[in-house]
Amino acid sequence: DLLADYKNNVALYPKFQEYFRTHRPPTLAVWGKNDPFFL
């Protein structure tokens, strides 16, 4: 059910991106460069 619902998160990406462009909040993203799921 959670995986099925994740499409709603993806659908909101444009709104998240607009928020970051408009408001530029302090942002730190730490990432596994070899993550097979989130590239």
PDB file of all heavy atoms in Angstrom:
ATOM      1  N   ASP A   1       0.836  -1.210   0.000  1.00  0.00           N
ATOM      2  CA  ASP A   1       0.000   0.000   0.000  1.00  0.00           C
ATOM      3  C   ASP A   1       0.868   1.255   0.000  1.00  0.00           C
ATOM      4  O   ASP A   1       0.576   2.230  -0.704  1.00  0.00           O
ATOM      5  CB  ASP A   1      -0.929   0.016   1.211  1.00  0.00           C
ATOM      6  CG  ASP A   1      -2.035  -1.029   1.133  1.00  0.00           C
ATOM      7  OD1 ASP A   1      -2.290  -1.577   0.032  1.00  0.00           O
ATOM      8  OD2 ASP A   1      -2.635  -1.309   2.194  1.00  0.00           O
ATOM      9  N   LEU A   2       1.948   1.243   0.788  1.00  0.00           N
ATOM     10  CA  LEU A   2       2.853   2.392   0.823  1.00  0.00           C
ATOM     11  C   LEU A   2       3.524   2.617  -0.529  1.00  0.00           C
ATOM     12  O   LEU A   2       3.636   3.754  -1.001  1.00  0.00           O
ATOM     13  CB  LEU A   2       3.901   2.214   1.915  1.00  0.00           C
ATOM     14  CG  LEU A   2       3.391   2.365   3.343  1.00  0.00           C
ATOM     15  CD1 LEU A   2       4.458   1.902   4.336  1.00  0.00           C
ATOM     16  CD2 LEU A   2       2.979   3.796   3.625  1.00  0.00           C
ATOM     17  N   LEU A   3       3.980   1.536  -1.153  1.00  0.00           N
ATOM     18  CA  LEU A   3       4.602   1.670  -2.478  1.00  0.00           C
ATOM     19  C   LEU A   3       3.597   2.197  -3.496  1.00  0.00           C
ATOM     20  O   LEU A   3       3.934   3.034  -4.334  1.00  0.00           O
ATOM     21  CB  LEU A   3       5.177   0.336  -2.945  1.00  0.00           C
ATOM     22  CG  LEU A   3       6.433  -0.138  -2.230  1.00  0.00           C
ATOM     23  CD1 LEU A   3       6.820  -1.538  -2.716  1.00  0.00           C
ATOM     24  CD2 LEU A   3       7.584   0.830  -2.444  1.00  0.00           C
ATOM     25  N   ALA A   4       2.367   1.722  -3.418  1.00  0.00           N
ATOM     26  CA  ALA A   4       1.336   2.193  -4.343  1.00  0.00           C
ATOM     27  C   ALA A   4       1.068   3.676  -4.140  1.00  0.00           C
ATOM     28  O   ALA A   4       0.885   4.429  -5.101  1.00  0.00           O
ATOM     29  CB  ALA A   4       0.052   1.385  -4.164  1.00  0.00           C
ATOM     30  N   ASP A   5       1.078   4.106  -2.886  1.00  0.00           N
ATOM     31  CA  ASP A   5       0.785   5.503  -2.571  1.00  0.00           C
ATOM     32  C   ASP A   5       1.949   6.443  -2.891  1.00  0.00           C
ATOM     33  O   ASP A   5       1.747   7.645  -3.040  1.00  0.00           O
ATOM     34  CB  ASP A   5       0.403   5.638  -1.091  1.00  0.00           C
ATOM     35  CG  ASP A   5      -0.055   7.039  -0.765  1.00  0.00           C
ATOM     36  OD1 ASP A   5      -1.105   7.466  -1.303  1.00  0.00           O
ATOM     37  OD2 ASP A   5       0.648   7.727  -0.007  1.00  0.00           O
ATOM     38  N   TYR A   6       3.157   5.913  -3.027  1.00  0.00           N
ATOM     39  CA  TYR A   6       4.321   6.767  -3.273  1.00  0.00           C
ATOM     40  C   TYR A   6       4.167   7.571  -4.567  1.00  0.00           C
ATOM     41  O   TYR A   6       4.783   8.618  -4.713  1.00  0.00           O
ATOM     42  CB  TYR A   6       5.609   5.939  -3.295  1.00  0.00           C
ATOM     43  CG  TYR A   6       6.846   6.787  -3.168  1.00  0.00           C
ATOM     44  CD1 TYR A   6       7.222   7.316  -1.939  1.00  0.00           C
ATOM     45  CD2 TYR A   6       7.623   7.097  -4.279  1.00  0.00           C
ATOM     46  CE1 TYR A   6       8.344   8.121  -1.820  1.00  0.00           C
ATOM     47  CE2 TYR A   6       8.749   7.898  -4.169  1.00  0.00           C
ATOM     48  CZ  TYR A   6       9.102   8.404  -2.937  1.00  0.00           C
ATOM     49  OH  TYR A   6      10.204   9.201  -2.827  1.00  0.00           O
ATOM     50  N   LYS A   7       3.316   7.121  -5.464  1.00  0.00           N
ATOM     51  CA  LYS A   7       3.082   7.899  -6.690  1.00  0.00           C
ATOM     52  C   LYS A   7       2.563   9.291  -6.363  1.00  0.00           C
ATOM     53  O   LYS A   7       2.816  10.244  -7.099  1.00  0.00           O
ATOM     54  CB  LYS A   7       2.110   7.173  -7.622  1.00  0.00           C
ATOM     55  CG  LYS A   7       0.676   7.128  -7.145  1.00  0.00           C
ATOM     56  CD  LYS A   7      -0.228   6.428  -8.123  1.00  0.00           C
ATOM     57  CE  LYS A   7      -1.629   6.336  -7.573  1.00  0.00           C
ATOM     58  NZ  LYS A   7      -2.498   5.593  -8.466  1.00  0.00           N
ATOM     59  N   ASN A   8       1.857   9.438  -5.237  1.00  0.00           N
ATOM     60  CA  ASN A   8       1.362  10.750  -4.836  1.00  0.00           C
ATOM     61  C   ASN A   8       2.514  11.675  -4.417  1.00  0.00           C
ATOM     62  O   ASN A   8       2.447  12.880  -4.636  1.00  0.00           O
ATOM     63  CB  ASN A   8       0.342  10.609  -3.710  1.00  0.00           C
ATOM     64  CG  ASN A   8      -0.902   9.900  -4.202  1.00  0.00           C
ATOM     65  OD1 ASN A   8      -1.442  10.234  -5.255  1.00  0.00           O
ATOM     66  ND2 ASN A   8      -1.331   8.885  -3.467  1.00  0.00           N
ATOM     67  N   ASN A   9       3.553  11.103  -3.841  1.00  0.00           N
ATOM     68  CA  ASN A   9       4.748  11.870  -3.516  1.00  0.00           C
ATOM     69  C   ASN A   9       5.418  12.342  -4.802  1.00  0.00           C
ATOM     70  O   ASN A   9       5.759  13.517  -4.943  1.00  0.00           O
ATOM     71  CB  ASN A   9       5.697  11.005  -2.677  1.00  0.00           C
ATOM     72  CG  ASN A   9       6.872  11.777  -2.140  1.00  0.00           C
ATOM     73  OD1 ASN A   9       6.951  12.986  -2.256  1.00  0.00           O
ATOM     74  ND2 ASN A   9       7.797  11.058  -1.539  1.00  0.00           N
ATOM     75  N   VAL A  10       5.588  11.444  -5.739  1.00  0.00           N
ATOM     76  CA  VAL A  10       6.227  11.788  -7.016  1.00  0.00           C
ATOM     77  C   VAL A  10       5.413  12.864  -7.741  1.00  0.00           C
ATOM     78  O   VAL A  10       5.988  13.787  -8.323  1.00  0.00           O
ATOM     79  CB  VAL A  10       6.412  10.532  -7.888  1.00  0.00           C
ATOM     80  CG1 VAL A  10       6.918  10.885  -9.275  1.00  0.00           C
ATOM     81  CG2 VAL A  10       7.368   9.554  -7.199  1.00  0.00           C
ATOM     82  N   ALA A  11       4.102  12.766  -7.670  1.00  0.00           N
ATOM     83  CA  ALA A  11       3.245  13.766  -8.319  1.00  0.00           C
ATOM     84  C   ALA A  11       3.458  15.161  -7.717  1.00  0.00           C
ATOM     85  O   ALA A  11       3.229  16.170  -8.397  1.00  0.00           O
ATOM     86  CB  ALA A  11       1.780  13.359  -8.211  1.00  0.00           C
ATOM     87  N   LEU A  12       3.898  15.214  -6.483  1.00  0.00           N
ATOM     88  CA  LEU A  12       4.138  16.505  -5.821  1.00  0.00           C
ATOM     89  C   LEU A  12       5.535  17.061  -6.082  1.00  0.00           C
ATOM     90  O   LEU A  12       5.822  18.197  -5.671  1.00  0.00           O
ATOM     91  CB  LEU A  12       3.919  16.365  -4.309  1.00  0.00           C
ATOM     92  CG  LEU A  12       2.475  16.163  -3.879  1.00  0.00           C
ATOM     93  CD1 LEU A  12       2.402  15.844  -2.384  1.00  0.00           C
ATOM     94  CD2 LEU A  12       1.632  17.397  -4.202  1.00  0.00           C
ATOM     95  N   TYR A  13       6.400  16.319  -6.740  1.00  0.00           N
ATOM     96  CA  TYR A  13       7.757  16.802  -7.009  1.00  0.00           C
ATOM     97  C   TYR A  13       7.768  18.208  -7.610  1.00  0.00           C
ATOM     98  O   TYR A  13       8.553  19.049  -7.170  1.00  0.00           O
ATOM     99  CB  TYR A  13       8.526  15.838  -7.909  1.00  0.00           C
ATOM    100  CG  TYR A  13       9.092  14.613  -7.225  1.00  0.00           C
ATOM    101  CD1 TYR A  13       8.760  14.253  -5.925  1.00  0.00           C
ATOM    102  CD2 TYR A  13       9.975  13.786  -7.905  1.00  0.00           C
ATOM    103  CE1 TYR A  13       9.273  13.122  -5.327  1.00  0.00           C
ATOM    104  CE2 TYR A  13      10.515  12.654  -7.310  1.00  0.00           C
ATOM    105  CZ  TYR A  13      10.161  12.330  -6.022  1.00  0.00           C
ATOM    106  OH  TYR A  13      10.688  11.207  -5.438  1.00  0.00           O
ATOM    107  N   PRO A  14       6.937  18.511  -8.600  1.00  0.00           N
ATOM    108  CA  PRO A  14       6.973  19.878  -9.149  1.00  0.00           C
ATOM    109  C   PRO A  14       6.689  20.958  -8.088  1.00  0.00           C
ATOM    110  O   PRO A  14       7.307  22.022  -8.112  1.00  0.00           O
ATOM    111  CB  PRO A  14       5.900  19.870 -10.236  1.00  0.00           C
ATOM    112  CG  PRO A  14       5.832  18.433 -10.664  1.00  0.00           C
ATOM    113  CD  PRO A  14       6.048  17.648  -9.394  1.00  0.00           C
ATOM    114  N   LYS A  15       5.804  20.665  -7.145  1.00  0.00           N
ATOM    115  CA  LYS A  15       5.523  21.633  -6.079  1.00  0.00           C
ATOM    116  C   LYS A  15       6.717  21.760  -5.138  1.00  0.00           C
ATOM    117  O   LYS A  15       7.063  22.862  -4.708  1.00  0.00           O
ATOM    118  CB  LYS A  15       4.270  21.238  -5.302  1.00  0.00           C
ATOM    119  CG  LYS A  15       2.999  21.444  -6.095  1.00  0.00           C
ATOM    120  CD  LYS A  15       1.782  21.149  -5.265  1.00  0.00           C
ATOM    121  CE  LYS A  15       0.545  21.398  -6.112  1.00  0.00           C
ATOM    122  NZ  LYS A  15      -0.693  21.245  -5.351  1.00  0.00           N
ATOM    123  N   PHE A  16       7.347  20.630  -4.810  1.00  0.00           N
ATOM    124  CA  PHE A  16       8.543  20.680  -3.963  1.00  0.00           C
ATOM    125  C   PHE A  16       9.623  21.497  -4.660  1.00  0.00           C
ATOM    126  O   PHE A  16      10.276  22.357  -4.048  1.00  0.00           O
ATOM    127  CB  PHE A  16       9.104  19.280  -3.700  1.00  0.00           C
ATOM    128  CG  PHE A  16       8.194  18.326  -2.986  1.00  0.00           C
ATOM    129  CD1 PHE A  16       8.341  16.965  -3.168  1.00  0.00           C
ATOM    130  CD2 PHE A  16       7.198  18.764  -2.126  1.00  0.00           C
ATOM    131  CE1 PHE A  16       7.525  16.063  -2.512  1.00  0.00           C
ATOM    132  CE2 PHE A  16       6.378  17.863  -1.458  1.00  0.00           C
ATOM    133  CZ  PHE A  16       6.535  16.500  -1.657  1.00  0.00           C
ATOM    134  N   GLN A  17       9.818  21.222  -5.932  1.00  0.00           N
ATOM    135  CA  GLN A  17      10.866  21.919  -6.694  1.00  0.00           C
ATOM    136  C   GLN A  17      10.590  23.417  -6.760  1.00  0.00           C
ATOM    137  O   GLN A  17      11.508  24.237  -6.609  1.00  0.00           O
ATOM    138  CB  GLN A  17      10.981  21.302  -8.092  1.00  0.00           C
ATOM    139  CG  GLN A  17      11.520  19.890  -8.036  1.00  0.00           C
ATOM    140  CD  GLN A  17      11.202  19.070  -9.268  1.00  0.00           C
ATOM    141  OE1 GLN A  17      10.282  19.386 -10.032  1.00  0.00           O
ATOM    142  NE2 GLN A  17      11.953  17.999  -9.468  1.00  0.00           N
ATOM    143  N   GLU A  18       9.342  23.788  -6.970  1.00  0.00           N
ATOM    144  CA  GLU A  18       8.974  25.208  -6.997  1.00  0.00           C
ATOM    145  C   GLU A  18       9.238  25.853  -5.643  1.00  0.00           C
ATOM    146  O   GLU A  18       9.729  26.981  -5.560  1.00  0.00           O
ATOM    147  CB  GLU A  18       7.511  25.385  -7.404  1.00  0.00           C
ATOM    148  CG  GLU A  18       7.051  26.831  -7.428  1.00  0.00           C
ATOM    149  CD  GLU A  18       7.843  27.707  -8.389  1.00  0.00           C
ATOM    150  OE1 GLU A  18       8.344  27.198  -9.423  1.00  0.00           O
ATOM    151  OE2 GLU A  18       7.979  28.921  -8.100  1.00  0.00           O
ATOM    152  N   TYR A  19       8.921  25.151  -4.576  1.00  0.00           N
ATOM    153  CA  TYR A  19       9.186  25.668  -3.238  1.00  0.00           C
ATOM    154  C   TYR A  19      10.685  25.936  -3.056  1.00  0.00           C
ATOM    155  O   TYR A  19      11.081  26.996  -2.570  1.00  0.00           O
ATOM    156  CB  TYR A  19       8.684  24.692  -2.171  1.00  0.00           C
ATOM    157  CG  TYR A  19       8.999  25.168  -0.776  1.00  0.00           C
ATOM    158  CD1 TYR A  19       8.174  26.088  -0.139  1.00  0.00           C
ATOM    159  CD2 TYR A  19      10.134  24.722  -0.114  1.00  0.00           C
ATOM    160  CE1 TYR A  19       8.469  26.554   1.138  1.00  0.00           C
ATOM    161  CE2 TYR A  19      10.435  25.182   1.162  1.00  0.00           C
ATOM    162  CZ  TYR A  19       9.605  26.092   1.777  1.00  0.00           C
ATOM    163  OH  TYR A  19       9.906  26.554   3.030  1.00  0.00           O
ATOM    164  N   PHE A  20      11.520  24.976  -3.454  1.00  0.00           N
ATOM    165  CA  PHE A  20      12.969  25.162  -3.330  1.00  0.00           C
ATOM    166  C   PHE A  20      13.461  26.325  -4.183  1.00  0.00           C
ATOM    167  O   PHE A  20      14.323  27.100  -3.752  1.00  0.00           O
ATOM    168  CB  PHE A  20      13.718  23.884  -3.697  1.00  0.00           C
ATOM    169  CG  PHE A  20      13.720  22.862  -2.587  1.00  0.00           C
ATOM    170  CD1 PHE A  20      12.929  21.736  -2.665  1.00  0.00           C
ATOM    171  CD2 PHE A  20      14.501  23.052  -1.467  1.00  0.00           C
ATOM    172  CE1 PHE A  20      12.924  20.806  -1.643  1.00  0.00           C
ATOM    173  CE2 PHE A  20      14.508  22.128  -0.434  1.00  0.00           C
ATOM    174  CZ  PHE A  20      13.708  20.998  -0.521  1.00  0.00           C
ATOM    175  N   ARG A  21      12.904  26.473  -5.388  1.00  0.00           N
ATOM    176  CA  ARG A  21      13.318  27.582  -6.259  1.00  0.00           C
ATOM    177  C   ARG A  21      12.892  28.929  -5.678  1.00  0.00           C
ATOM    178  O   ARG A  21      13.634  29.905  -5.728  1.00  0.00           O
ATOM    179  CB  ARG A  21      12.722  27.408  -7.660  1.00  0.00           C
ATOM    180  CG  ARG A  21      13.461  26.414  -8.526  1.00  0.00           C
ATOM    181  CD  ARG A  21      13.000  26.478  -9.971  1.00  0.00           C
ATOM    182  NE  ARG A  21      11.596  26.142 -10.149  1.00  0.00           N
ATOM    183  CZ  ARG A  21      11.125  24.903 -10.324  1.00  0.00           C
ATOM    184  NH1 ARG A  21      11.938  23.885 -10.354  1.00  0.00           N
ATOM    185  NH2 ARG A  21       9.852  24.703 -10.488  1.00  0.00           N
ATOM    186  N   THR A  22      11.692  28.993  -5.143  1.00  0.00           N
ATOM    187  CA  THR A  22      11.128  30.253  -4.665  1.00  0.00           C
ATOM    188  C   THR A  22      11.689  30.661  -3.303  1.00  0.00           C
ATOM    189  O   THR A  22      12.072  31.813  -3.109  1.00  0.00           O
ATOM    190  CB  THR A  22       9.588  30.138  -4.571  1.00  0.00           C
ATOM    191  OG1 THR A  22       9.083  29.795  -5.865  1.00  0.00           O
ATOM    192  CG2 THR A  22       8.967  31.438  -4.094  1.00  0.00           C
ATOM    193  N   HIS A  23      11.738  29.724  -2.374  1.00  0.00           N
ATOM    194  CA  HIS A  23      12.067  30.065  -0.989  1.00  0.00           C
ATOM    195  C   HIS A  23      13.520  29.780  -0.607  1.00  0.00           C
ATOM    196  O   HIS A  23      14.001  30.342   0.379  1.00  0.00           O
ATOM    197  CB  HIS A  23      11.117  29.347  -0.034  1.00  0.00           C
ATOM    198  CG  HIS A  23       9.694  29.731  -0.245  1.00  0.00           C
ATOM    199  ND1 HIS A  23       9.176  30.943   0.165  1.00  0.00           N
ATOM    200  CD2 HIS A  23       8.672  29.083  -0.861  1.00  0.00           C
ATOM    201  CE1 HIS A  23       7.904  31.013  -0.171  1.00  0.00           C
ATOM    202  NE2 HIS A  23       7.567  29.899  -0.800  1.00  0.00           N
ATOM    203  N   ARG A  24      14.165  28.917  -1.341  1.00  0.00           N
ATOM    204  CA  ARG A  24      15.578  28.566  -1.100  1.00  0.00           C
ATOM    205  C   ARG A  24      15.881  28.328   0.386  1.00  0.00           C
ATOM    206  O   ARG A  24      16.751  28.985   0.967  1.00  0.00           O
ATOM    207  CB  ARG A  24      16.492  29.614  -1.689  1.00  0.00           C
ATOM    208  CG  ARG A  24      16.332  29.676  -3.194  1.00  0.00           C
ATOM    209  CD  ARG A  24      17.372  30.497  -3.845  1.00  0.00           C
ATOM    210  NE  ARG A  24      17.205  30.375  -5.299  1.00  0.00           N
ATOM    211  CZ  ARG A  24      17.969  30.970  -6.151  1.00  0.00           C
ATOM    212  NH1 ARG A  24      18.970  31.721  -5.743  1.00  0.00           N
ATOM    213  NH2 ARG A  24      17.760  30.816  -7.435  1.00  0.00           N
ATOM    214  N   PRO A  25      15.182  27.390   0.992  1.00  0.00           N
ATOM    215  CA  PRO A  25      15.445  27.113   2.407  1.00  0.00           C
ATOM    216  C   PRO A  25      16.819  26.450   2.566  1.00  0.00           C
ATOM    217  O   PRO A  25      17.331  25.832   1.620  1.00  0.00           O
ATOM    218  CB  PRO A  25      14.337  26.131   2.777  1.00  0.00           C
ATOM    219  CG  PRO A  25      14.068  25.399   1.494  1.00  0.00           C
ATOM    220  CD  PRO A  25      14.207  26.459   0.420  1.00  0.00           C
ATOM    221  N   PRO A  26      17.422  26.559   3.745  1.00  0.00           N
ATOM    222  CA  PRO A  26      18.667  25.824   3.969  1.00  0.00           C
ATOM    223  C   PRO A  26      18.408  24.339   3.714  1.00  0.00           C
ATOM    224  O   PRO A  26      17.437  23.774   4.233  1.00  0.00           O
ATOM    225  CB  PRO A  26      18.979  26.083   5.446  1.00  0.00           C
ATOM    226  CG  PRO A  26      18.222  27.327   5.789  1.00  0.00           C
ATOM    227  CD  PRO A  26      16.998  27.310   4.919  1.00  0.00           C
ATOM    228  N   THR A  27      19.236  23.758   2.878  1.00  0.00           N
ATOM    229  CA  THR A  27      18.994  22.389   2.453  1.00  0.00           C
ATOM    230  C   THR A  27      20.287  21.601   2.463  1.00  0.00           C
ATOM    231  O   THR A  27      21.288  22.033   1.898  1.00  0.00           O
ATOM    232  CB  THR A  27      18.404  22.361   1.023  1.00  0.00           C
ATOM    233  OG1 THR A  27      17.202  23.143   1.015  1.00  0.00           O
ATOM    234  CG2 THR A  27      18.109  20.947   0.566  1.00  0.00           C
ATOM    235  N   LEU A  28      20.235  20.430   3.101  1.00  0.00           N
ATOM    236  CA  LEU A  28      21.334  19.475   3.073  1.00  0.00           C
ATOM    237  C   LEU A  28      20.765  18.158   2.588  1.00  0.00           C
ATOM    238  O   LEU A  28      19.794  17.646   3.156  1.00  0.00           O
ATOM    239  CB  LEU A  28      21.949  19.297   4.467  1.00  0.00           C
ATOM    240  CG  LEU A  28      22.952  18.158   4.612  1.00  0.00           C
ATOM    241  CD1 LEU A  28      24.198  18.421   3.763  1.00  0.00           C
ATOM    242  CD2 LEU A  28      23.327  17.961   6.084  1.00  0.00           C
ATOM    243  N   ALA A  29      21.350  17.619   1.546  1.00  0.00           N
ATOM    244  CA  ALA A  29      20.974  16.292   1.051  1.00  0.00           C
ATOM    245  C   ALA A  29      22.207  15.407   1.132  1.00  0.00           C
ATOM    246  O   ALA A  29      23.224  15.706   0.514  1.00  0.00           O
ATOM    247  CB  ALA A  29      20.472  16.372  -0.390  1.00  0.00           C
ATOM    248  N   VAL A  30      22.126  14.366   1.942  1.00  0.00           N
ATOM    249  CA  VAL A  30      23.202  13.379   2.011  1.00  0.00           C
ATOM    250  C   VAL A  30      22.710  12.136   1.289  1.00  0.00           C
ATOM    251  O   VAL A  30      21.554  11.743   1.424  1.00  0.00           O
ATOM    252  CB  VAL A  30      23.628  13.078   3.462  1.00  0.00           C
ATOM    253  CG1 VAL A  30      24.253  14.307   4.093  1.00  0.00           C
ATOM    254  CG2 VAL A  30      22.470  12.586   4.297  1.00  0.00           C
ATOM    255  N   TRP A  31      23.581  11.543   0.493  1.00  0.00           N
ATOM    256  CA  TRP A  31      23.129  10.548  -0.461  1.00  0.00           C
ATOM    257  C   TRP A  31      24.172   9.457  -0.643  1.00  0.00           C
ATOM    258  O   TRP A  31      25.365   9.755  -0.712  1.00  0.00           O
ATOM    259  CB  TRP A  31      22.963  11.252  -1.807  1.00  0.00           C
ATOM    260  CG  TRP A  31      21.816  10.839  -2.652  1.00  0.00           C
ATOM    261  CD1 TRP A  31      21.819   9.879  -3.621  1.00  0.00           C
ATOM    262  CD2 TRP A  31      20.505  11.403  -2.666  1.00  0.00           C
ATOM    263  NE1 TRP A  31      20.595   9.814  -4.227  1.00  0.00           N
ATOM    264  CE2 TRP A  31      19.770  10.746  -3.653  1.00  0.00           C
ATOM    265  CE3 TRP A  31      19.886  12.417  -1.930  1.00  0.00           C
ATOM    266  CZ2 TRP A  31      18.454  11.048  -3.935  1.00  0.00           C
ATOM    267  CZ3 TRP A  31      18.575  12.716  -2.208  1.00  0.00           C
ATOM    268  CH2 TRP A  31      17.871  12.038  -3.197  1.00  0.00           C
ATOM    269  N   GLY A  32      23.715   8.237  -0.764  1.00  0.00           N
ATOM    270  CA  GLY A  32      24.597   7.147  -1.166  1.00  0.00           C
ATOM    271  C   GLY A  32      24.767   7.203  -2.675  1.00  0.00           C
ATOM    272  O   GLY A  32      23.793   7.012  -3.405  1.00  0.00           O
ATOM    273  N   LYS A  33      25.978   7.480  -3.141  1.00  0.00           N
ATOM    274  CA  LYS A  33      26.166   7.645  -4.588  1.00  0.00           C
ATOM    275  C   LYS A  33      25.943   6.348  -5.358  1.00  0.00           C
ATOM    276  O   LYS A  33      25.738   6.381  -6.569  1.00  0.00           O
ATOM    277  CB  LYS A  33      27.540   8.239  -4.897  1.00  0.00           C
ATOM    278  CG  LYS A  33      28.709   7.309  -4.708  1.00  0.00           C
ATOM    279  CD  LYS A  33      30.001   7.987  -5.139  1.00  0.00           C
ATOM    280  CE  LYS A  33      31.166   7.030  -5.035  1.00  0.00           C
ATOM    281  NZ  LYS A  33      32.403   7.633  -5.489  1.00  0.00           N
ATOM    282  N   ASN A  34      25.933   5.217  -4.656  1.00  0.00           N
ATOM    283  CA  ASN A  34      25.720   3.930  -5.312  1.00  0.00           C
ATOM    284  C   ASN A  34      24.329   3.354  -5.022  1.00  0.00           C
ATOM    285  O   ASN A  34      24.099   2.163  -5.207  1.00  0.00           O
ATOM    286  CB  ASN A  34      26.791   2.928  -4.841  1.00  0.00           C
ATOM    287  CG  ASN A  34      28.181   3.475  -5.003  1.00  0.00           C
ATOM    288  OD1 ASN A  34      28.509   4.112  -5.996  1.00  0.00           O
ATOM    289  ND2 ASN A  34      29.022   3.255  -4.005  1.00  0.00           N
ATOM    290  N   ASP A  35      23.429   4.197  -4.555  1.00  0.00           N
ATOM    291  CA  ASP A  35      22.064   3.760  -4.239  1.00  0.00           C
ATOM    292  C   ASP A  35      21.413   3.225  -5.506  1.00  0.00           C
ATOM    293  O   ASP A  35      21.319   3.940  -6.511  1.00  0.00           O
ATOM    294  CB  ASP A  35      21.269   4.941  -3.690  1.00  0.00           C
ATOM    295  CG  ASP A  35      19.889   4.574  -3.187  1.00  0.00           C
ATOM    296  OD1 ASP A  35      19.299   3.567  -3.645  1.00  0.00           O
ATOM    297  OD2 ASP A  35      19.372   5.309  -2.333  1.00  0.00           O
ATOM    298  N   PRO A  36      20.957   1.964  -5.499  1.00  0.00           N
ATOM    299  CA  PRO A  36      20.348   1.411  -6.710  1.00  0.00           C
ATOM    300  C   PRO A  36      18.931   1.917  -6.971  1.00  0.00           C
ATOM    301  O   PRO A  36      18.372   1.673  -8.039  1.00  0.00           O
ATOM    302  CB  PRO A  36      20.348  -0.091  -6.455  1.00  0.00           C
ATOM    303  CG  PRO A  36      20.316  -0.227  -4.979  1.00  0.00           C
ATOM    304  CD  PRO A  36      21.057   0.969  -4.437  1.00  0.00           C
ATOM    305  N   PHE A  37      18.344   2.625  -6.014  1.00  0.00           N
ATOM    306  CA  PHE A  37      16.964   3.087  -6.146  1.00  0.00           C
ATOM    307  C   PHE A  37      16.877   4.584  -6.415  1.00  0.00           C
ATOM    308  O   PHE A  37      16.183   5.014  -7.323  1.00  0.00           O
ATOM    309  CB  PHE A  37      16.165   2.745  -4.877  1.00  0.00           C
ATOM    310  CG  PHE A  37      16.202   1.292  -4.530  1.00  0.00           C
ATOM    311  CD1 PHE A  37      17.013   0.827  -3.514  1.00  0.00           C
ATOM    312  CD2 PHE A  37      15.455   0.374  -5.247  1.00  0.00           C
ATOM    313  CE1 PHE A  37      17.068  -0.519  -3.203  1.00  0.00           C
ATOM    314  CE2 PHE A  37      15.504  -0.973  -4.950  1.00  0.00           C
ATOM    315  CZ  PHE A  37      16.319  -1.419  -3.928  1.00  0.00           C
ATOM    316  N   PHE A  38      17.543   5.369  -5.583  1.00  0.00           N
ATOM    317  CA  PHE A  38      17.522   6.827  -5.715  1.00  0.00           C
ATOM    318  C   PHE A  38      18.890   7.255  -6.240  1.00  0.00           C
ATOM    319  O   PHE A  38      19.860   7.316  -5.488  1.00  0.00           O
ATOM    320  CB  PHE A  38      17.194   7.497  -4.382  1.00  0.00           C
ATOM    321  CG  PHE A  38      15.802   7.195  -3.903  1.00  0.00           C
ATOM    322  CD1 PHE A  38      15.573   6.177  -2.995  1.00  0.00           C
ATOM    323  CD2 PHE A  38      14.722   7.917  -4.383  1.00  0.00           C
ATOM    324  CE1 PHE A  38      14.288   5.887  -2.560  1.00  0.00           C
ATOM    325  CE2 PHE A  38      13.434   7.636  -3.952  1.00  0.00           C
ATOM    326  CZ  PHE A  38      13.220   6.613  -3.042  1.00  0.00           C
ATOM    327  N   LEU A  39      18.942   7.533  -7.516  1.00  0.00           N
ATOM    328  CA  LEU A  39      20.200   7.801  -8.206  1.00  0.00           C
ATOM    329  C   LEU A  39      20.716   9.213  -7.918  1.00  0.00           C
ATOM    330  O   LEU A  39      19.949  10.100  -7.523  1.00  0.00           O
ATOM    331  CB  LEU A  39      20.001   7.596  -9.707  1.00  0.00           C
ATOM    332  CG  LEU A  39      19.477   6.209 -10.110  1.00  0.00           C
ATOM    333  CD1 LEU A  39      19.238   6.140 -11.610  1.00  0.00           C
ATOM    334  CD2 LEU A  39      20.428   5.108  -9.662  1.00  0.00           C
TER     335      LEU A  39
END
